[in-house]
Protein backbone atom coordinates (compact mmCIF):
# COMPACT_ATOMS: atom_id res chain seq x y z
CA UNK A 1 -0.33 12.13 -25.32
CA UNK A 2 -3.52 10.51 -24.06
CA UNK A 3 -6.79 12.26 -23.30
CA UNK A 4 -8.16 9.42 -21.17
CA UNK A 5 -5.69 7.97 -18.67
CA UNK A 6 -7.99 6.32 -16.12
CA UNK A 7 -7.70 2.92 -17.81
CA UNK A 8 -3.92 3.06 -17.62
CA UNK A 9 -3.87 4.37 -14.06
CA UNK A 10 -6.29 1.74 -12.81
CA UNK A 11 -3.95 -0.99 -14.09
CA UNK A 12 -0.88 0.15 -12.14
CA UNK A 13 0.18 -0.11 -8.50
CA UNK A 14 2.66 2.80 -8.38
CA UNK A 15 2.82 5.94 -10.51
CA UNK A 16 6.32 7.21 -11.32
CA UNK A 17 7.09 10.69 -12.63
CA UNK A 18 10.82 10.86 -13.32
CA UNK A 19 10.79 14.29 -14.97
CA UNK A 20 13.92 16.41 -14.95
CA UNK A 21 11.81 19.57 -15.28
CA UNK A 22 8.11 19.94 -14.60
CA UNK A 23 6.12 23.12 -13.97
CA UNK A 24 3.15 21.28 -12.39
CA UNK A 25 2.28 17.77 -13.51
CA UNK A 26 -1.45 17.22 -13.58
CA UNK A 27 -0.78 13.56 -14.19
CA UNK A 28 0.45 13.29 -10.58
CA UNK A 29 -2.96 14.54 -9.45
CA UNK A 30 -4.73 12.14 -11.80
CA UNK A 31 -2.80 9.22 -10.34
CA UNK A 32 -3.45 10.41 -6.79
CA UNK A 33 -7.17 10.71 -7.54
CA UNK A 34 -7.09 7.01 -8.49
CA UNK A 35 -5.52 6.18 -5.08
CA UNK A 36 -2.09 5.51 -6.55
CA UNK A 37 1.05 6.31 -4.58
CA UNK A 38 3.35 8.58 -6.56
CA UNK A 39 7.12 8.52 -6.82
CA UNK A 40 8.20 11.84 -8.33
CA UNK A 41 11.34 13.88 -8.72
CA UNK A 42 11.96 17.00 -6.68
CA UNK A 43 11.32 19.43 -9.54
CA UNK A 44 8.72 22.09 -10.26
CA UNK A 45 5.36 21.53 -8.61
CA UNK A 46 5.89 17.85 -7.83
CA UNK A 47 6.65 18.46 -4.12
CA UNK A 48 3.56 20.68 -3.88
CA UNK A 49 1.31 17.86 -5.08
CA UNK A 50 3.08 14.80 -3.67
CA UNK A 51 3.85 14.93 0.04
CA UNK A 52 6.98 12.90 0.70
CA UNK A 53 6.29 10.04 3.08
CA UNK A 54 2.53 10.74 3.11
CA UNK A 55 1.13 10.40 -0.42
CA UNK A 56 4.25 9.03 -2.07
CA UNK A 57 7.94 9.69 -2.33
CA UNK A 58 9.89 12.67 -3.65
CA UNK A 59 13.38 11.82 -4.88
CA UNK A 60 16.20 13.92 -6.30
CA UNK A 61 16.05 14.51 -10.05
CA UNK A 62 18.64 12.70 -12.15
CA UNK A 63 19.26 10.17 -9.39
CA UNK A 64 18.35 6.74 -10.72
CA UNK A 65 19.42 4.95 -7.54
CA UNK A 66 17.06 7.01 -5.35
CA UNK A 67 14.24 6.57 -7.84
CA UNK A 68 14.76 2.81 -7.98
CA UNK A 69 14.99 2.54 -4.19
CA UNK A 70 11.68 4.41 -3.72
CA UNK A 71 9.94 2.27 -6.34
CA UNK A 72 11.27 -0.99 -4.89
CA UNK A 73 10.32 0.03 -1.37
CA UNK A 74 6.72 0.59 -2.46
CA UNK A 75 6.67 -2.50 -4.66
CA UNK A 76 7.68 -4.64 -1.67
CA UNK A 77 5.26 -3.05 0.80
CA UNK A 78 1.55 -3.50 0.03
CA UNK A 79 0.47 -1.73 3.21
CA UNK A 80 2.57 1.35 2.49
CA UNK A 81 1.26 1.51 -1.10
CA UNK A 82 -2.29 1.35 0.20
CA UNK A 83 -1.63 3.94 2.93
CA UNK A 84 0.00 6.37 0.48
CA UNK A 85 -2.73 5.77 -2.11
CA UNK A 86 -5.54 6.51 0.34
CA UNK A 87 -3.76 9.61 1.63
CA UNK A 88 -3.22 10.72 -1.97
CA UNK A 89 -6.93 10.46 -2.76
CA UNK A 90 -7.80 12.34 0.43
CA UNK A 91 -5.34 15.09 -0.52
CA UNK A 92 -6.97 15.45 -3.93
CA UNK A 93 -10.44 15.70 -2.42
CA UNK A 94 -9.28 18.26 0.13
CA UNK A 95 -7.00 20.48 -1.96
CA UNK A 96 -7.33 19.88 -5.70
CA UNK A 97 -11.01 19.69 -6.62
CA UNK A 98 -12.59 21.96 -9.19
CA UNK A 99 -14.39 23.75 -6.33
CA UNK A 100 -11.04 24.42 -4.66
CA UNK A 101 -9.74 25.79 -7.95
CA UNK A 102 -12.69 28.15 -8.34
CA UNK A 103 -12.42 29.30 -4.74
CA UNK A 104 -8.75 30.12 -5.34
CA UNK A 105 -9.58 32.09 -8.49
CA UNK A 106 -12.37 33.94 -6.64
CA UNK A 107 -9.98 34.81 -3.81
CA UNK A 108 -7.40 36.24 -6.21
CA UNK A 109 -10.06 38.23 -8.09
CA UNK A 110 -11.45 39.63 -4.84
CA UNK A 111 -7.96 40.67 -3.75
CA UNK A 112 -7.40 42.40 -7.08
CA UNK A 113 -10.75 44.20 -6.85
CA UNK A 114 -9.97 45.34 -3.33
CA UNK A 115 -6.75 46.96 -4.60
CA UNK A 116 -8.52 48.79 -7.44
């Protein structure tokens, strides 16, 4: 476990999350905020965060061949890595900021109060 991951994330070209089970990986969002394309497995909240073919690649869990193919494709294509990385950062700024989080909480609370 690491509190501060920015140093690690800034040193990589592609972030890979090969989890077999994952409720919602904040580390995907951290990598995306650093303009890194993400290759993640199709489990839990990964597909919610990483848009396949837009901000990275979603591959089947427990499928090493698909994972390797997605990684190699990005490793060989600088333009695609850059495109996915920029789209990833834009997605974070649009959907996953602290303001977005608070607005979501406020919306839920307002809905609950309206039902009371």
